[in-house]
Amino acid sequence: MSDIDYSKLKFKSGLEIHQQLDTHKLFCNCPSILRGDLPDFYVERKLHAVAGESGEVDRAAEYQASLKKTFVYQGYRNSTCLIELDEEPPHEINEDALKIALQIALLLNCKIIPVTQIMRKTVIDGSNTSGFQRTVLIARDGYVETAFGRVGIETICLEEDAARKVKVEGEKVYWNLDRLGIPLVEIATSPDIKSAEQAKEVAMYIGDVLRSCKVKRGIGTIRQDVNISILEGNRVEMKGVQDMRTFIKTIENEVLRQKELYDEGTPTQPEVRNALPDSSSEFLRPMPGADRMYPETDLPLLKLSRDFIDSLKKDLPKLRSESAGELRERGLSEEMVKLILGEDKIEELKSLAEIYSNLNFIAKMIVLFPKEIASKENKTLEEVEEQVMDYYGDILRLLNKKKIVEGDVKDILINLVKGMDFKEAIKIEKVDNSEIEEEILKIIKEKPGLNANAYMGLVMAKFKGKINGKQAMDVINKLMNK
C-alpha cells in the first residue's frame, strides 16, 4: 500500500475497457482473424477532419489532421471486403456479437436500451479507412460492488475495432485491415473510484465477467484505459493500463505527476497519455471532445424487443468465480482450481467431467501433461494441444471402461504427439506384477540405502513407460518395508 492520501487529493477515477468478442466482424461476414502472411493488395489514402453532429470539428481530429500523414492499408482477397475499404455500405449488425455484448451488460447490472442509434465517431489517425468508427450505445446505469463501495457502470457500447498499425516510414503509416471491424464491447465506469486499489478490484471483477462470456483471449484482445484527476483538475486518460502487475504503480505515478504540476501552479492539461512498461507514461494526443459523434446514415435504428432481452436473462453464463466454487465442491483441489482458472480451461474441464469423474486427473491431463510433453518433445504448447486435445474424450471413455489406467495417459499423449494414430497410441506395453517386483527388488539390492523417490527414478527409467508411477511406488514401498 502506498502513502498517497487519495481522499485529501480528491482523487477521481474511472475505467474504460475494450474487449474483442469471438465472432465474425461487426458489420460484414469477414472472419475475425489476424494474418501473418504477406498482403494481397495495398490502398493508399489521406483522411480529413469533418464536423460532428454539433457542427464543430473535434480538437483531437484537428490535431491528427495537422500531422498530414499518408495511410497505406494492407488487405487480403479472402478475408478483407469492400466494407473494410469503405467502398460498400455496412451490413446489419452481427447478431452473435450483439447477444454477447448484451450478456455482459446484464451481468454488470445494466439497463438495456431498447431503441438506439448506431453512431459514427470521427477517428482520423489512420486506424479507420472511413475516417470514423461505428459504435452503438446498448446499455447504461449498471454497477459493480467492491470492498470500498459501489462503482457505477456508466455505459456499455458495441463497436468495431480499429485497423492494426504495422510500421511508420516517414510521412507514411502502414495499417493492416485484418483487425478492422472485429467486434468490441466498450465498458465505461462512472468516476466513482476513490483509490488505485479500488480501481484494480473493479478491473479484476469486470475481467471475470468478460472471460465468462464468449470473448477472444490472448495478448491484444483487451485494452484497458484509466481516467484520473486530482484536486478538481482536468481529466487525463491513461491508455494501455492492462498489466495487473504494474496497474497500481502506474496510477500512483500519474497521481504524483499531476500533484507535482499542481504544486508548481501549472494546470494539468486534458490529454491522452500512453502507459509505459516501467509504470510511467508519455503524451499521446489531446483529449477528444463531444464534437466527433454523428449518426450512421447507412444503418437503421437498432431495436431490441422485450422478449429478446428476457430470453438473454434466462440463459446468462456463470461467472468464472462461481464455476470455480462449483468445481471445488465437486472435489477439485485448490491447486488445480488455480491452474484451471489461470489457463482458462473451466469450460473444457466441465465438458470432460461429464465423461470421467476424477476432476483432478482431468485437470492434470489438459493443463500439466501438455506442458510436460512440450518440454520433453521440444515442441510449443500450442503444437502439443493441437495434436492431443481432440482425443481427450476418447481417452477418458477408455479409462471408464478400464481398458487403460490413469498412469497410461501421458504415454498415450506422447505417442499421439509423435505422430501415431489413436489405435496405435493406446497400445501401451504392459509388464506383469511378478516381473515388476523382481526387477525392483534387483534395483534395491544393487543400490541399497536410497530413499523411495530415488528408487522411483531408477525404476521408471528401467521400464520406460511400461508401468505407471503409482504402480511402481506401491511396489517400492512394499519391498522397502520388508
Protein backbone atom coordinates (compact mmCIF):
# COMPACT_ATOMS: atom_id res chain seq x y z
CA MET A 1 0.00 0.00 0.00
CA SER A 2 1.32 3.47 -0.89
CA ASP A 3 1.20 6.51 1.41
CA ILE A 4 -0.82 8.56 -1.12
CA ASP A 5 -3.79 10.21 0.59
CA TYR A 6 -6.38 9.78 -2.15
CA SER A 7 -9.10 11.48 -0.14
CA LYS A 8 -7.03 14.59 0.52
CA LEU A 9 -6.10 14.79 -3.17
CA LYS A 10 -9.80 14.47 -4.15
CA PHE A 11 -8.83 11.60 -6.42
CA LYS A 12 -11.42 10.65 -9.03
CA SER A 13 -11.06 7.81 -11.48
CA GLY A 14 -12.98 5.67 -13.94
CA LEU A 15 -12.11 2.74 -16.19
CA GLU A 16 -12.73 2.20 -19.87
CA ILE A 17 -12.30 -1.37 -21.08
CA HIS A 18 -12.39 -2.60 -24.68
CA GLN A 19 -12.71 -6.35 -25.20
CA GLN A 20 -12.81 -8.18 -28.56
CA LEU A 21 -15.69 -10.63 -28.97
CA ASP A 22 -15.20 -14.07 -30.52
CA THR A 23 -17.38 -13.77 -33.63
CA HIS A 24 -17.01 -12.67 -37.24
CA LYS A 25 -16.74 -8.94 -37.88
CA LEU A 26 -19.38 -6.48 -36.70
CA PHE A 27 -20.75 -5.12 -40.00
CA CYS A 28 -19.66 -7.77 -42.53
CA ASN A 29 -19.10 -11.53 -42.69
CA CYS A 30 -15.29 -11.44 -42.84
CA PRO A 31 -13.51 -13.64 -40.28
CA SER A 32 -12.05 -12.02 -37.17
CA ILE A 33 -8.53 -13.37 -37.61
CA LEU A 34 -5.14 -11.68 -37.65
CA ARG A 35 -2.98 -12.57 -40.63
CA GLY A 36 0.76 -13.23 -40.58
CA ASP A 37 1.26 -13.70 -44.33
CA LEU A 38 2.03 -11.07 -46.97
CA PRO A 39 -0.96 -8.95 -48.03
CA ASP A 40 -2.55 -9.33 -51.47
CA PHE A 41 -3.06 -5.60 -52.10
CA TYR A 42 -2.32 -2.09 -50.83
CA VAL A 43 -4.56 1.01 -50.81
CA GLU A 44 -3.17 4.49 -50.13
CA ARG A 45 -5.27 7.33 -48.67
CA LYS A 46 -5.33 10.63 -46.82
CA LEU A 47 -8.02 11.46 -44.24
CA HIS A 48 -9.57 14.82 -43.38
CA ALA A 49 -11.29 16.14 -40.24
CA VAL A 50 -15.06 16.75 -40.54
CA ALA A 51 -17.57 18.40 -38.23
CA GLY A 52 -19.56 16.28 -35.79
CA GLU A 53 -23.28 16.49 -35.01
CA SER A 54 -22.73 19.76 -33.11
CA GLY A 55 -21.30 21.42 -36.22
CA GLU A 56 -17.83 21.74 -34.64
CA VAL A 57 -14.63 19.89 -35.58
CA ASP A 58 -13.23 17.84 -32.69
CA ARG A 59 -9.87 19.12 -31.43
CA ALA A 60 -8.31 15.63 -31.41
CA ALA A 61 -9.34 15.20 -35.07
CA GLU A 62 -7.87 18.61 -35.90
CA TYR A 63 -4.60 17.58 -34.24
CA GLN A 64 -4.40 14.34 -36.25
CA ALA A 65 -5.19 16.20 -39.49
CA SER A 66 -2.40 18.68 -38.80
CA LEU A 67 0.15 15.84 -38.94
CA LYS A 68 -0.53 15.45 -42.71
CA LYS A 69 0.12 11.70 -42.76
CA THR A 70 -0.48 9.36 -45.71
CA PHE A 71 -2.00 6.00 -44.82
CA VAL A 72 -1.25 2.72 -46.61
CA TYR A 73 -3.74 -0.12 -46.00
CA GLN A 74 -2.86 -3.80 -46.43
CA GLY A 75 -5.62 -6.28 -47.29
CA TYR A 76 -6.36 -9.86 -48.34
CA ARG A 77 -8.66 -11.18 -51.08
CA ASN A 78 -10.19 -13.93 -48.92
CA SER A 79 -10.61 -12.07 -45.60
CA THR A 80 -10.96 -8.37 -46.46
CA CYS A 81 -14.06 -6.99 -48.15
CA LEU A 82 -15.20 -3.68 -49.64
CA ILE A 83 -16.80 -2.66 -46.34
CA GLU A 84 -13.41 -2.52 -44.64
CA LEU A 85 -12.16 -0.41 -47.55
CA ASP A 86 -15.16 1.94 -47.14
CA GLU A 87 -16.29 1.15 -50.68
CA GLU A 88 -19.57 -0.57 -49.70
CA PRO A 89 -22.24 0.26 -47.08
CA PRO A 90 -22.12 -1.81 -43.87
CA HIS A 91 -24.31 -4.88 -43.38
CA GLU A 92 -26.71 -5.01 -40.43
CA ILE A 93 -25.09 -5.56 -37.05
CA ASN A 94 -23.69 -9.02 -36.20
CA GLU A 95 -26.39 -10.68 -34.05
CA ASP A 96 -23.98 -13.04 -32.25
CA ALA A 97 -21.79 -10.11 -31.19
CA LEU A 98 -24.87 -8.19 -30.07
CA LYS A 99 -26.03 -11.10 -27.88
CA ILE A 100 -22.61 -11.43 -26.21
CA ALA A 101 -22.40 -7.69 -25.53
CA LEU A 102 -25.89 -7.73 -24.01
CA GLN A 103 -24.98 -10.71 -21.79
CA ILE A 104 -22.01 -8.72 -20.48
CA ALA A 105 -24.27 -5.72 -19.86
CA LEU A 106 -26.76 -7.82 -17.91
CA LEU A 107 -24.01 -9.43 -15.80
CA LEU A 108 -22.92 -5.86 -14.90
CA ASN A 109 -26.46 -4.99 -13.74
CA CYS A 110 -27.07 -2.56 -16.62
CA LYS A 111 -30.35 -1.33 -18.12
CA ILE A 112 -30.65 -2.31 -21.78
CA ILE A 113 -31.61 0.48 -24.20
CA PRO A 114 -34.49 -0.88 -26.33
CA VAL A 115 -34.14 1.56 -29.27
CA THR A 116 -30.79 3.09 -30.10
CA GLN A 117 -28.92 4.81 -32.94
CA ILE A 118 -25.67 3.47 -34.40
CA MET A 119 -23.23 6.39 -34.48
CA ARG A 120 -20.07 7.41 -36.30
CA LYS A 121 -17.14 8.56 -34.16
CA THR A 122 -14.57 10.67 -36.03
CA VAL A 123 -11.15 8.97 -35.98
CA ILE A 124 -8.57 10.23 -38.49
CA ASP A 125 -5.30 8.83 -37.13
CA GLY A 126 -5.50 6.30 -39.99
CA SER A 127 -6.85 3.41 -37.92
CA ASN A 128 -10.18 3.51 -39.84
CA THR A 129 -10.32 3.75 -43.62
CA SER A 130 -13.55 5.75 -43.45
CA GLY A 131 -12.27 8.36 -41.01
CA PHE A 132 -14.77 7.19 -38.40
CA GLN A 133 -15.54 4.26 -36.11
CA ARG A 134 -19.05 2.80 -35.86
CA THR A 135 -20.33 2.48 -32.31
CA VAL A 136 -23.71 1.90 -30.66
CA LEU A 137 -24.79 2.51 -27.05
CA ILE A 138 -26.62 -0.63 -25.87
CA ALA A 139 -26.81 -0.28 -22.06
CA ARG A 140 -26.27 2.12 -19.15
CA ASP A 141 -26.64 2.62 -15.38
CA GLY A 142 -25.09 -0.62 -14.12
CA TYR A 143 -22.79 -1.17 -11.16
CA VAL A 144 -20.05 -3.26 -9.57
CA GLU A 145 -19.87 -3.86 -5.81
CA THR A 146 -16.38 -3.61 -4.27
CA ALA A 147 -14.88 -3.77 -0.79
CA PHE A 148 -14.56 0.04 -0.98
CA GLY A 149 -18.13 0.72 -2.13
CA ARG A 150 -20.25 0.59 -5.27
CA VAL A 151 -18.84 1.76 -8.62
CA GLY A 152 -21.27 2.64 -11.37
CA ILE A 153 -21.14 1.30 -14.92
CA GLU A 154 -21.98 4.41 -16.93
CA THR A 155 -22.27 3.00 -20.45
CA ILE A 156 -21.71 -0.14 -22.48
CA CYS A 157 -21.20 0.22 -26.22
CA LEU A 158 -20.68 -2.25 -29.04
CA GLU A 159 -18.25 -1.00 -31.66
CA GLU A 160 -15.79 -2.05 -34.36
CA ASP A 161 -12.09 -2.42 -33.63
CA ALA A 162 -9.51 -0.36 -35.49
CA ALA A 163 -7.01 -1.43 -38.13
CA ARG A 164 -3.66 -2.77 -36.91
CA LYS A 165 -0.63 -0.47 -37.21
CA VAL A 166 2.24 -2.26 -38.96
CA LYS A 167 5.00 0.33 -39.39
CA VAL A 168 5.80 4.02 -39.93
CA GLU A 169 8.10 5.18 -42.73
CA GLY A 170 8.46 8.96 -42.68
CA GLU A 171 5.10 10.52 -43.56
CA LYS A 172 3.59 7.13 -44.43
CA VAL A 173 1.83 4.97 -41.83
CA TYR A 174 1.06 1.34 -42.76
CA TRP A 175 -2.07 -0.36 -41.39
CA ASN A 176 -3.31 -3.95 -41.79
CA LEU A 177 -7.08 -4.32 -42.32
CA ASP A 178 -7.33 -7.76 -40.65
CA ARG A 179 -8.32 -6.27 -37.27
CA LEU A 180 -10.60 -3.52 -38.61
CA GLY A 181 -14.22 -4.37 -37.82
CA ILE A 182 -13.66 -7.04 -35.14
CA PRO A 183 -16.47 -6.54 -32.59
CA LEU A 184 -15.50 -4.75 -29.39
CA VAL A 185 -17.53 -4.25 -26.25
CA GLU A 186 -16.64 -0.95 -24.56
CA ILE A 187 -17.34 -0.69 -20.82
CA ALA A 188 -17.06 2.73 -19.17
CA THR A 189 -17.41 3.08 -15.41
CA SER A 190 -18.57 6.19 -13.63
CA PRO A 191 -15.82 8.32 -11.97
CA ASP A 192 -16.64 6.69 -8.61
CA ILE A 193 -13.27 5.04 -8.00
CA LYS A 194 -11.53 6.52 -4.96
CA SER A 195 -8.14 4.73 -4.92
CA ALA A 196 -5.78 2.69 -7.07
CA GLU A 197 -6.66 -0.42 -5.04
CA GLN A 198 -10.36 0.02 -5.75
CA ALA A 199 -9.60 0.56 -9.44
CA LYS A 200 -7.78 -2.76 -9.54
CA GLU A 201 -10.66 -4.57 -7.80
CA VAL A 202 -13.14 -3.18 -10.35
CA ALA A 203 -10.86 -4.15 -13.26
CA MET A 204 -10.45 -7.70 -11.92
CA TYR A 205 -14.21 -8.16 -11.48
CA ILE A 206 -15.04 -6.86 -14.96
CA GLY A 207 -12.32 -9.14 -16.32
CA ASP A 208 -14.04 -12.10 -14.62
CA VAL A 209 -17.34 -11.12 -16.26
CA LEU A 210 -15.73 -10.81 -19.70
CA ARG A 211 -13.93 -14.16 -19.50
CA SER A 212 -17.20 -15.82 -18.52
CA CYS A 213 -18.63 -14.84 -21.92
CA LYS A 214 -17.58 -15.63 -25.48
CA VAL A 215 -14.70 -13.20 -25.89
CA LYS A 216 -11.35 -13.52 -27.60
CA ARG A 217 -8.35 -14.43 -25.43
CA GLY A 218 -4.69 -13.52 -25.58
CA ILE A 219 -2.43 -10.51 -26.00
CA GLY A 220 -4.05 -7.58 -27.78
CA THR A 221 -7.65 -8.78 -27.38
CA ILE A 222 -8.35 -6.50 -24.39
CA ARG A 223 -7.34 -2.87 -23.86
CA GLN A 224 -7.87 -1.02 -20.61
CA ASP A 225 -7.69 2.73 -20.02
CA VAL A 226 -7.83 4.64 -16.73
CA ASN A 227 -9.15 8.20 -16.38
CA ILE A 228 -7.60 10.14 -13.49
CA SER A 229 -7.97 13.60 -11.97
CA ILE A 230 -6.99 15.14 -8.62
CA LEU A 231 -7.84 18.35 -6.77
CA GLU A 232 -10.73 19.01 -9.17
CA GLY A 233 -8.29 19.43 -12.05
CA ASN A 234 -8.58 18.30 -15.66
CA ARG A 235 -9.07 14.63 -16.52
CA VAL A 236 -6.18 12.66 -18.02
CA GLU A 237 -6.82 9.41 -19.90
CA MET A 238 -4.13 6.73 -19.46
CA LYS A 239 -4.09 4.30 -22.40
CA GLY A 240 -2.99 0.67 -22.17
CA VAL A 241 -3.09 0.07 -18.39
CA GLN A 242 -3.86 -3.65 -18.63
CA ASP A 243 -0.86 -5.28 -16.95
CA MET A 244 -2.24 -6.01 -13.49
CA ARG A 245 1.28 -6.42 -12.09
CA THR A 246 2.00 -2.72 -12.69
CA PHE A 247 -1.59 -1.44 -12.58
CA ILE A 248 -1.49 0.24 -9.17
CA LYS A 249 2.01 1.65 -9.66
CA THR A 250 1.02 3.25 -13.00
CA ILE A 251 -1.93 5.00 -11.34
CA GLU A 252 0.25 6.13 -8.43
CA ASN A 253 2.83 7.61 -10.79
CA GLU A 254 0.17 9.57 -12.68
CA VAL A 255 -1.24 10.91 -9.39
CA LEU A 256 2.24 12.06 -8.36
CA ARG A 257 2.83 13.65 -11.79
CA GLN A 258 -0.41 15.62 -11.53
CA LYS A 259 0.33 16.62 -7.91
CA GLU A 260 3.76 17.94 -8.93
CA LEU A 261 2.15 20.09 -11.63
CA TYR A 262 -0.41 21.34 -9.12
CA ASP A 263 2.30 22.23 -6.59
CA GLU A 264 4.13 24.19 -9.32
CA GLY A 265 0.95 26.12 -10.13
CA THR A 266 0.70 24.53 -13.58
CA PRO A 267 -2.77 23.24 -14.50
CA THR A 268 -2.99 19.61 -15.60
CA GLN A 269 -3.80 19.51 -19.30
CA PRO A 270 -6.77 17.40 -20.50
CA GLU A 271 -4.82 14.89 -22.57
CA VAL A 272 -4.40 11.27 -23.51
CA ARG A 273 -1.22 9.58 -22.28
CA ASN A 274 0.31 6.20 -23.10
CA ALA A 275 1.21 3.89 -20.19
CA LEU A 276 4.77 2.55 -20.47
CA PRO A 277 6.15 -0.79 -19.21
CA ASP A 278 8.08 0.93 -16.38
CA SER A 279 4.78 2.35 -14.97
CA SER A 280 5.50 5.87 -16.26
CA SER A 281 3.61 7.49 -19.16
CA GLU A 282 4.09 9.76 -22.17
CA PHE A 283 1.92 12.28 -24.05
CA LEU A 284 -0.10 10.75 -26.87
CA ARG A 285 -2.64 13.35 -28.07
CA PRO A 286 -5.13 15.99 -26.86
CA MET A 287 -8.25 14.76 -25.10
CA PRO A 288 -11.12 14.28 -27.62
CA GLY A 289 -14.38 16.10 -27.00
CA ALA A 290 -18.04 15.54 -27.82
CA ASP A 291 -17.79 17.07 -31.31
CA ARG A 292 -16.76 13.87 -33.09
CA MET A 293 -20.06 11.93 -32.93
CA TYR A 294 -22.75 11.92 -35.61
CA PRO A 295 -25.41 9.39 -36.74
CA GLU A 296 -24.67 6.45 -39.04
CA THR A 297 -26.96 7.07 -42.01
CA ASP A 298 -26.40 3.70 -43.73
CA LEU A 299 -27.99 1.62 -40.95
CA PRO A 300 -31.47 1.57 -39.35
CA LEU A 301 -32.22 2.15 -35.69
CA LEU A 302 -31.24 -0.82 -33.53
CA LYS A 303 -34.39 -2.16 -31.84
CA LEU A 304 -34.25 -4.76 -29.05
CA SER A 305 -37.56 -6.40 -28.11
CA ARG A 306 -38.54 -7.19 -24.52
CA ASP A 307 -38.85 -10.89 -25.41
CA PHE A 308 -35.32 -10.90 -26.82
CA ILE A 309 -33.90 -9.28 -23.68
CA ASP A 310 -35.87 -11.62 -21.38
CA SER A 311 -34.55 -14.67 -23.26
CA LEU A 312 -30.97 -13.48 -22.66
CA LYS A 313 -31.63 -13.01 -18.94
CA LYS A 314 -32.75 -16.65 -18.65
CA ASP A 315 -29.52 -18.00 -20.14
CA LEU A 316 -26.73 -15.86 -18.71
CA PRO A 317 -23.30 -17.55 -18.38
CA LYS A 318 -21.96 -18.17 -14.88
CA LEU A 319 -19.02 -16.11 -13.69
CA ARG A 320 -15.71 -17.96 -13.61
CA SER A 321 -15.54 -17.41 -9.85
CA GLU A 322 -18.93 -19.13 -9.44
CA SER A 323 -17.86 -22.03 -11.67
CA ALA A 324 -14.64 -22.40 -9.65
CA GLY A 325 -16.71 -22.70 -6.46
CA GLU A 326 -18.80 -25.47 -8.01
CA LEU A 327 -15.66 -27.34 -9.05
CA ARG A 328 -14.26 -27.13 -5.51
CA GLU A 329 -17.50 -28.65 -4.23
CA ARG A 330 -17.06 -31.48 -6.72
CA GLY A 331 -13.59 -32.28 -5.36
CA LEU A 332 -11.18 -30.25 -7.47
CA SER A 333 -8.18 -29.30 -5.32
CA GLU A 334 -7.32 -25.65 -4.71
CA GLU A 335 -4.06 -26.08 -6.63
CA MET A 336 -5.93 -27.42 -9.65
CA VAL A 337 -8.60 -24.70 -9.39
CA LYS A 338 -5.85 -22.08 -9.69
CA LEU A 339 -4.32 -23.90 -12.66
CA ILE A 340 -7.65 -24.24 -14.46
CA LEU A 341 -8.52 -20.57 -13.85
CA GLY A 342 -5.06 -19.43 -14.88
CA GLU A 343 -5.20 -21.39 -18.13
CA ASP A 344 -8.85 -20.50 -18.75
CA LYS A 345 -9.86 -24.17 -19.05
CA ILE A 346 -13.05 -24.17 -16.96
CA GLU A 347 -15.45 -24.93 -19.81
CA GLU A 348 -13.19 -27.66 -21.17
CA LEU A 349 -12.91 -29.25 -17.73
CA LYS A 350 -16.66 -29.13 -17.12
CA SER A 351 -17.33 -30.74 -20.51
CA LEU A 352 -14.86 -33.59 -19.90
CA ALA A 353 -16.19 -34.08 -16.34
CA GLU A 354 -19.40 -35.39 -17.91
CA ILE A 355 -17.34 -38.33 -19.20
CA TYR A 356 -14.99 -39.07 -16.27
CA SER A 357 -15.50 -38.30 -12.57
CA ASN A 358 -11.91 -37.63 -11.41
CA LEU A 359 -11.70 -33.86 -11.92
CA ASN A 360 -8.16 -33.60 -10.55
CA PHE A 361 -6.91 -36.10 -13.11
CA ILE A 362 -8.73 -34.32 -15.94
CA ALA A 363 -7.10 -31.05 -14.84
CA LYS A 364 -3.67 -32.70 -14.96
CA MET A 365 -4.40 -34.14 -18.39
CA ILE A 366 -5.44 -30.85 -20.01
CA VAL A 367 -3.10 -28.44 -18.20
CA LEU A 368 0.02 -30.17 -16.84
CA PHE A 369 0.60 -33.06 -19.26
CA PRO A 370 0.70 -30.87 -22.42
CA LYS A 371 3.30 -28.57 -20.82
CA GLU A 372 5.47 -31.51 -19.73
CA ILE A 373 5.21 -33.13 -23.16
CA ALA A 374 6.03 -29.87 -24.95
CA SER A 375 9.21 -29.55 -22.91
CA LYS A 376 10.19 -33.21 -23.39
CA GLU A 377 9.46 -33.34 -27.13
CA ASN A 378 10.86 -29.85 -27.88
CA LYS A 379 7.54 -28.54 -29.22
CA THR A 380 5.43 -25.49 -28.46
CA LEU A 381 2.46 -25.89 -26.13
CA GLU A 382 0.16 -24.86 -28.99
CA GLU A 383 1.54 -27.66 -31.20
CA VAL A 384 1.04 -30.28 -28.48
CA GLU A 385 -2.50 -29.15 -27.65
CA GLU A 386 -3.47 -29.14 -31.32
CA GLN A 387 -2.33 -32.77 -31.65
CA VAL A 388 -3.94 -34.17 -28.49
CA MET A 389 -6.99 -32.14 -27.47
CA ASP A 390 -9.41 -33.88 -29.86
CA TYR A 391 -8.61 -37.22 -28.18
CA TYR A 392 -9.27 -36.26 -24.54
CA GLY A 393 -12.84 -37.54 -24.58
CA ASP A 394 -11.86 -40.87 -26.21
CA ILE A 395 -9.09 -41.38 -23.64
CA LEU A 396 -11.46 -40.72 -20.73
CA ARG A 397 -14.00 -43.20 -22.16
CA LEU A 398 -11.26 -45.86 -22.25
CA LEU A 399 -10.50 -45.08 -18.59
CA ASN A 400 -14.17 -45.56 -17.71
CA LYS A 401 -14.17 -48.94 -19.46
CA LYS A 402 -10.91 -49.86 -17.62
CA LYS A 403 -9.18 -50.52 -20.95
CA ILE A 404 -6.34 -48.29 -19.73
CA VAL A 405 -5.32 -46.80 -16.36
CA GLU A 406 -4.58 -43.16 -15.49
CA GLY A 407 -0.87 -43.91 -15.47
CA ASP A 408 -1.04 -44.76 -19.18
CA VAL A 409 -2.49 -41.44 -20.30
CA LYS A 410 0.66 -39.33 -20.52
CA ASP A 411 2.39 -42.03 -22.60
CA ILE A 412 -0.64 -42.17 -24.91
CA LEU A 413 -0.47 -38.40 -25.38
CA ILE A 414 3.26 -38.63 -26.12
CA ASN A 415 2.56 -41.30 -28.75
CA LEU A 416 -0.02 -39.00 -30.36
CA VAL A 417 2.44 -36.11 -30.41
CA LYS A 418 4.99 -38.40 -32.09
CA GLY A 419 2.53 -38.95 -34.91
CA MET A 420 0.94 -42.31 -34.10
CA ASP A 421 -2.70 -42.83 -34.98
CA PHE A 422 -5.01 -43.28 -31.99
CA LYS A 423 -5.35 -47.07 -32.22
CA GLU A 424 -1.57 -47.47 -32.13
CA ALA A 425 -1.05 -44.78 -29.49
CA ILE A 426 -3.25 -46.56 -26.92
CA LYS A 427 -1.35 -49.85 -27.21
CA ILE A 428 0.73 -49.46 -24.06
CA GLU A 429 3.04 -52.42 -23.47
CA LYS A 430 2.41 -53.90 -20.02
CA VAL A 431 4.59 -55.82 -17.61
CA ASP A 432 3.11 -58.40 -15.18
CA ASN A 433 3.36 -57.80 -11.43
CA SER A 434 5.84 -60.62 -10.74
CA GLU A 435 8.31 -59.22 -13.26
CA ILE A 436 7.89 -55.72 -11.80
CA GLU A 437 8.61 -56.91 -8.25
CA GLU A 438 11.60 -58.96 -9.40
CA GLU A 439 13.20 -56.04 -11.25
CA ILE A 440 12.53 -53.52 -8.45
CA LEU A 441 13.97 -55.90 -5.83
CA LYS A 442 17.07 -56.28 -8.01
CA ILE A 443 17.47 -52.46 -8.20
CA ILE A 444 17.11 -52.11 -4.40
CA LYS A 445 19.74 -54.80 -3.78
CA GLU A 446 22.17 -53.24 -6.26
CA LYS A 447 21.79 -49.76 -4.73
CA PRO A 448 20.90 -50.13 -1.05
CA GLY A 449 20.15 -47.17 1.22
CA LEU A 450 18.37 -44.87 -1.27
CA ASN A 451 15.02 -43.25 -0.50
CA ALA A 452 11.80 -44.20 -2.26
CA ASN A 453 11.89 -41.28 -4.71
CA ALA A 454 15.43 -42.15 -5.82
CA TYR A 455 14.38 -45.74 -6.46
CA MET A 456 11.33 -44.43 -8.31
CA GLY A 457 13.56 -42.61 -10.82
CA LEU A 458 15.64 -45.71 -11.45
CA VAL A 459 12.57 -47.94 -11.82
CA MET A 460 10.79 -45.62 -14.28
CA ALA A 461 13.99 -45.36 -16.37
CA LYS A 462 14.24 -49.16 -16.40
CA PHE A 463 10.67 -49.81 -17.55
CA LYS A 464 10.45 -46.79 -19.91
CA GLY A 465 6.73 -46.13 -19.57
CA LYS A 466 5.59 -49.76 -19.38
CA ILE A 467 4.36 -49.24 -15.79
CA ASN A 468 2.70 -46.23 -14.19
CA GLY A 469 4.14 -44.22 -11.33
CA LYS A 470 1.61 -45.26 -8.69
CA GLN A 471 2.11 -48.92 -9.53
CA ALA A 472 5.89 -48.53 -9.22
CA MET A 473 5.74 -46.60 -5.91
CA ASP A 474 3.38 -49.16 -4.35
CA VAL A 475 5.84 -51.96 -5.10
CA ILE A 476 8.85 -49.91 -3.91
CA ASN A 477 7.19 -49.08 -0.58
CA LYS A 478 6.16 -52.72 -0.08
CA LEU A 479 9.66 -54.05 -0.72
CA MET A 480 11.38 -51.34 1.35
CA ASN A 481 9.09 -52.10 4.31
CA LYS A 482 10.11 -55.75 4.09
